Structure formats: structure tokens, C-alpha cells
Amino acid sequence: MSEQMEFTVKDLVEWIGKQPPDKRYDWTTAGSCLLGQWCKSKGMKGPALRNKSIELGHDDDFYRIALAGYPFTFGAAMDRARSLTLPSEHHS
């Protein structure tokens, strides 16, 4: 796993778009929440995955997409993402 791995809102939105829209995620567990699953898809695991997931959840845009609203499905997360004005260079 590269230490230079980037986590951008644009990348997250692209990843969400590849997930089944009706699939639910557990927003209460860092390893299996939307952000945790995304980190896992990038090759992260263990404490690093959980820590990065929590870190990203504290960023306003990542929070709004993954955690700020019900239902907790990938389709609803995509709807929340579309409602944001996504900056082209937002990195965390």
C-alpha cells in the first residue's frame, strides 16, 4: 500500500457509483461503514483502515456524503453527494 494514497471526494463519489444503490451500510462501525468499505477497497486493513475511516468522517464533505442523513444506502449517499458542490481538488 502506498504512503501517497489520496482520498478525494471525487474518488469517493466514483466508488459509490459502482456500488449497488440499495445496499445498506452500518454507519456506526468504522470498518464496515461507507468510508471504511471505501478505505478497504483501496487496500487498507486493520487499525489503519479504522483510523482513516474515522479521520475522513470528521471532514465536512465526507461526513455529509456518508453520515449526514438516512437512509444509509449507497444510493442515498450518492444523492447526498450530488447535492454538494464538489471542489475539484478536495483532499483529506
C-alpha atoms as a PDB file:
ATOM      1  CA  MET A   1       0.000   0.000   0.000  1.00  0.00           C
ATOM      2  CA  SER A   2       1.366   3.363  -0.996  1.00  0.00           C
ATOM      3  CA  GLU A   3       2.001   6.001   1.633  1.00  0.00           C
ATOM      4  CA  GLN A   4       0.969   8.536  -1.045  1.00  0.00           C
ATOM      5  CA  MET A   5      -2.576   7.167  -1.262  1.00  0.00           C
ATOM      6  CA  GLU A   6      -5.049  10.001  -1.829  1.00  0.00           C
ATOM      7  CA  PHE A   7      -8.585  10.239  -0.545  1.00  0.00           C
ATOM      8  CA  THR A   8     -10.608  12.724  -2.572  1.00  0.00           C
ATOM      9  CA  VAL A   9     -14.316  13.422  -2.600  1.00  0.00           C
ATOM     10  CA  LYS A  10     -14.324  12.880  -6.369  1.00  0.00           C
ATOM     11  CA  ASP A  11     -12.764   9.424  -5.920  1.00  0.00           C
ATOM     12  CA  LEU A  12     -15.293   8.562  -3.201  1.00  0.00           C
ATOM     13  CA  VAL A  13     -18.211   9.591  -5.422  1.00  0.00           C
ATOM     14  CA  GLU A  14     -16.867   7.493  -8.307  1.00  0.00           C
ATOM     15  CA  TRP A  15     -16.544   4.486  -5.968  1.00  0.00           C
ATOM     16  CA  ILE A  16     -20.066   4.969  -4.570  1.00  0.00           C
ATOM     17  CA  GLY A  17     -21.386   4.995  -8.139  1.00  0.00           C
ATOM     18  CA  LYS A  18     -20.074   1.451  -8.608  1.00  0.00           C
ATOM     19  CA  GLN A  19     -21.915   0.108  -5.535  1.00  0.00           C
ATOM     20  CA  PRO A  20     -25.436  -1.360  -5.573  1.00  0.00           C
ATOM     21  CA  PRO A  21     -27.714   1.625  -4.780  1.00  0.00           C
ATOM     22  CA  ASP A  22     -29.995  -0.362  -2.457  1.00  0.00           C
ATOM     23  CA  LYS A  23     -27.130  -1.879  -0.453  1.00  0.00           C
ATOM     24  CA  ARG A  24     -27.186  -0.703   3.163  1.00  0.00           C
ATOM     25  CA  TYR A  25     -24.105   0.033   5.249  1.00  0.00           C
ATOM     26  CA  ASP A  26     -23.596   0.190   9.014  1.00  0.00           C
ATOM     27  CA  TRP A  27     -22.674   3.802   9.686  1.00  0.00           C
ATOM     28  CA  THR A  28     -21.858   3.040  13.356  1.00  0.00           C
ATOM     29  CA  THR A  29     -18.874   0.744  12.726  1.00  0.00           C
ATOM     30  CA  ALA A  30     -15.722   2.324  11.300  1.00  0.00           C
ATOM     31  CA  GLY A  31     -14.614  -0.810   9.472  1.00  0.00           C
ATOM     32  CA  SER A  32     -17.918  -1.526   7.746  1.00  0.00           C
ATOM     33  CA  CYS A  33     -19.316   1.978   7.265  1.00  0.00           C
ATOM     34  CA  LEU A  34     -19.299   3.538   3.818  1.00  0.00           C
ATOM     35  CA  LEU A  35     -15.940   5.234   4.417  1.00  0.00           C
ATOM     36  CA  GLY A  36     -14.480   2.049   5.916  1.00  0.00           C
ATOM     37  CA  GLN A  37     -15.565  -0.008   2.914  1.00  0.00           C
ATOM     38  CA  TRP A  38     -14.035   2.595   0.603  1.00  0.00           C
ATOM     39  CA  CYS A  39     -10.740   2.507   2.522  1.00  0.00           C
ATOM     40  CA  LYS A  40     -10.801  -1.303   2.357  1.00  0.00           C
ATOM     41  CA  SER A  41     -11.304  -1.126  -1.418  1.00  0.00           C
ATOM     42  CA  LYS A  42      -8.061   0.893  -1.539  1.00  0.00           C
ATOM     43  CA  GLY A  43      -6.184  -1.927   0.201  1.00  0.00           C
ATOM     44  CA  MET A  44      -6.262  -0.649   3.763  1.00  0.00           C
ATOM     45  CA  LYS A  45      -6.921  -3.016   6.663  1.00  0.00           C
ATOM     46  CA  GLY A  46      -6.841  -3.294  10.438  1.00  0.00           C
ATOM     47  CA  PRO A  47      -6.266  -0.251  12.624  1.00  0.00           C
ATOM     48  CA  ALA A  48      -5.122   1.891   9.669  1.00  0.00           C
ATOM     49  CA  LEU A  49      -8.470   1.300   7.944  1.00  0.00           C
ATOM     50  CA  ARG A  50     -10.488   2.148  11.051  1.00  0.00           C
ATOM     51  CA  ASN A  51      -8.376   5.214  11.840  1.00  0.00           C
ATOM     52  CA  LYS A  52      -8.608   6.599   8.297  1.00  0.00           C
ATOM     53  CA  SER A  53     -12.342   5.954   8.195  1.00  0.00           C
ATOM     54  CA  ILE A  54     -12.816   7.909  11.423  1.00  0.00           C
ATOM     55  CA  GLU A  55     -10.497  10.690  10.220  1.00  0.00           C
ATOM     56  CA  LEU A  56     -12.440  11.072   6.978  1.00  0.00           C
ATOM     57  CA  GLY A  57     -15.719  11.125   8.897  1.00  0.00           C
ATOM     58  CA  HIS A  58     -14.578  14.320  10.594  1.00  0.00           C
ATOM     59  CA  ASP A  59     -14.192  16.116   7.257  1.00  0.00           C
ATOM     60  CA  ASP A  60     -17.346  18.089   6.384  1.00  0.00           C
ATOM     61  CA  ASP A  61     -17.807  16.870   2.790  1.00  0.00           C
ATOM     62  CA  PHE A  62     -17.026  13.221   3.545  1.00  0.00           C
ATOM     63  CA  TYR A  63     -19.350  13.430   6.572  1.00  0.00           C
ATOM     64  CA  ARG A  64     -22.197  14.920   4.554  1.00  0.00           C
ATOM     65  CA  ILE A  65     -21.968  12.154   1.967  1.00  0.00           C
ATOM     66  CA  ALA A  66     -21.503   9.141   4.238  1.00  0.00           C
ATOM     67  CA  LEU A  67     -23.074  10.007   7.579  1.00  0.00           C
ATOM     68  CA  ALA A  68     -25.412  13.002   7.388  1.00  0.00           C
ATOM     69  CA  GLY A  69     -28.748  11.501   6.538  1.00  0.00           C
ATOM     70  CA  TYR A  70     -30.960   8.496   6.388  1.00  0.00           C
ATOM     71  CA  PRO A  71     -31.216   6.009   4.780  1.00  0.00           C
ATOM     72  CA  PHE A  72     -27.719   4.601   4.923  1.00  0.00           C
ATOM     73  CA  THR A  73     -27.629   3.101   1.462  1.00  0.00           C
ATOM     74  CA  PHE A  74     -25.161   3.712  -1.328  1.00  0.00           C
ATOM     75  CA  GLY A  75     -27.940   5.227  -3.461  1.00  0.00           C
ATOM     76  CA  ALA A  76     -28.836   7.730  -0.738  1.00  0.00           C
ATOM     77  CA  ALA A  77     -25.141   8.530  -0.259  1.00  0.00           C
ATOM     78  CA  MET A  78     -24.902   9.247  -3.990  1.00  0.00           C
ATOM     79  CA  ASP A  79     -27.921  11.552  -3.731  1.00  0.00           C
ATOM     80  CA  ARG A  80     -26.227  13.403  -0.865  1.00  0.00           C
ATOM     81  CA  ALA A  81     -23.009  13.624  -2.897  1.00  0.00           C
ATOM     82  CA  ARG A  82     -24.867  15.085  -5.862  1.00  0.00           C
ATOM     83  CA  SER A  83     -26.356  17.752  -3.617  1.00  0.00           C
ATOM     84  CA  LEU A  84     -22.867  19.041  -2.773  1.00  0.00           C
ATOM     85  CA  THR A  85     -20.856  21.389  -4.900  1.00  0.00           C
ATOM     86  CA  LEU A  86     -17.780  19.224  -5.220  1.00  0.00           C
ATOM     87  CA  PRO A  87     -14.485  21.096  -5.285  1.00  0.00           C
ATOM     88  CA  SER A  88     -12.125  19.570  -7.850  1.00  0.00           C
ATOM     89  CA  GLU A  89      -9.119  19.465  -5.545  1.00  0.00           C
ATOM     90  CA  HIS A  90     -10.616  18.474  -2.164  1.00  0.00           C
ATOM     91  CA  HIS A  91      -8.163  16.123  -0.441  1.00  0.00           C
ATOM     92  CA  SER A  92      -8.001  14.740   3.052  1.00  0.00           C
END
